[in-house]
Protein backbone atom coordinates (compact mmCIF):
# COMPACT_ATOMS: atom_id res chain seq x y z
CA MET A 1 -3.67 7.95 4.85
CA LEU A 2 -5.13 10.87 6.37
CA LYS A 3 -8.71 11.78 5.98
CA ILE A 4 -10.30 15.58 6.21
CA GLU A 5 -14.15 15.81 6.13
CA VAL A 6 -15.69 18.42 5.40
CA PHE A 7 -19.47 18.18 6.71
CA GLN A 8 -22.24 20.04 5.00
CA GLU A 9 -23.49 22.53 7.84
CA ASP A 10 -19.57 23.42 6.75
CA VAL A 11 -19.64 24.52 3.91
CA THR A 12 -19.36 28.07 4.62
CA VAL A 13 -16.10 30.44 4.97
CA SER A 14 -15.25 32.85 7.48
CA ALA A 15 -13.44 35.67 6.92
CA ARG A 16 -9.93 36.90 8.78
CA ASN A 17 -8.46 40.47 8.49
CA MET A 18 -4.99 41.15 8.78
CA PRO A 19 -3.62 44.29 9.52
CA PRO A 20 -0.67 45.84 7.25
CA LYS A 21 2.44 44.82 8.95
CA ASP A 22 6.31 46.47 8.01
CA GLY A 23 5.38 47.31 5.25
CA LYS A 24 3.33 45.08 3.62
CA PRO A 25 -0.02 45.48 3.14
CA GLY A 26 -3.34 43.25 4.78
CA ARG A 27 -5.04 41.14 3.22
CA THR A 28 -7.66 39.24 4.02
CA ILE A 29 -7.96 35.40 5.41
CA TYR A 30 -10.60 32.66 3.80
CA GLU A 31 -11.53 30.34 6.15
CA GLN A 32 -13.59 26.69 6.51
CA THR A 33 -14.31 24.35 8.66
CA ALA A 34 -13.21 20.99 8.31
CA TYR A 35 -12.54 17.64 10.97
CA ALA A 36 -9.16 15.80 10.34
CA HIS A 37 -9.29 12.03 11.73
CA LEU A 38 -6.41 11.76 13.96
CA GLY A 39 -7.47 7.95 14.85
CA GLY A 40 -9.16 8.47 18.11
CA LYS A 41 -12.66 7.90 18.82
CA PHE A 42 -13.22 11.66 17.12
CA PRO A 43 -12.38 13.26 14.43
CA VAL A 44 -10.75 16.49 15.21
CA GLN A 45 -12.40 20.49 14.45
CA MET A 46 -9.39 22.40 12.10
CA LYS A 47 -9.39 25.56 9.63
CA LEU A 48 -8.36 24.90 6.32
CA GLN A 49 -7.16 28.33 3.96
CA VAL A 50 -9.53 28.84 1.21
CA GLU A 51 -8.70 31.58 -1.51
CA SER A 52 -11.64 32.43 -1.80
CA PRO A 53 -15.52 32.10 -0.48
CA ALA A 54 -15.77 30.95 -4.21
CA ASN A 55 -13.31 28.41 -4.04
CA VAL A 56 -15.29 26.28 -0.42
CA TYR A 57 -14.08 22.84 -1.06
CA PRO A 58 -17.23 20.71 -1.11
CA ALA A 59 -18.92 18.22 1.85
CA GLY A 60 -16.43 15.24 1.54
CA GLU A 61 -13.66 13.13 2.57
CA TYR A 62 -10.39 14.73 1.31
CA GLN A 63 -6.92 13.47 1.92
CA ILE A 64 -3.60 15.64 1.61
CA ASP A 65 -2.09 15.82 -1.68
CA SER A 66 1.15 15.53 -1.39
CA SER A 67 2.82 19.03 -2.53
CA SER A 68 1.56 20.26 0.50
CA PHE A 69 4.49 18.19 2.27
CA VAL A 70 7.49 19.41 2.52
CA ILE A 71 10.95 18.73 3.70
CA ASN A 72 12.65 21.13 6.77
CA ASN A 73 15.85 22.17 7.76
CA PHE A 74 16.50 19.72 10.23
CA GLY A 75 15.71 17.17 7.33
CA GLY A 76 12.26 15.81 8.35
CA LEU A 77 9.26 15.89 6.75
CA GLU A 78 6.44 18.70 7.59
CA LEU A 79 2.99 20.37 6.02
CA LYS A 80 3.32 23.08 4.39
CA ARG A 81 2.80 26.83 6.42
CA PHE A 82 1.10 27.65 3.75
CA GLY A 83 -1.25 26.42 0.08
CA LEU A 84 -2.28 22.96 2.21
CA LYS A 85 -4.12 21.05 -0.76
CA ILE A 86 -5.98 18.08 0.33
CA THR A 87 -7.96 16.06 -2.28
CA PRO A 88 -10.95 14.75 -2.61
CA VAL A 89 -11.06 10.49 -1.43
CA LYS A 90 -12.33 8.49 -4.43
CA ALA A 91 -15.06 6.04 -2.81
CA VAL A 92 -14.61 3.06 -3.12
CA THR A 93 -17.32 1.12 -4.93
CA GLN A 94 -17.47 -3.04 -3.92
CA ALA A 95 -19.07 -5.52 -6.86
CA LYS A 96 -22.16 -7.08 -5.25
CA THR A 97 -21.77 -10.76 -6.04
CA SER A 98 -25.39 -13.09 -7.15
CA TYR A 99 -24.65 -16.23 -6.76
């Protein structure tokens, strides 16, 4: 499982304006900072796209939803270019046994 983490200080959104191009209207892309745990000593900073500033991800741990993967033209697995969906990781509680 690839873990993505949003820290409390990253529960904000930044906006990037894309100008009109080839007859298509301009648009605004909203992004939030998150960190991907790729197996190294430290997580790697990344950007998560969000639909709007109202849809910011709260602080917590997430995993990539299976709907975010596609099979490319060469039969390989890859992430969709747009529409990455992440889901919260459920906290596992351990039952304490008293003797």
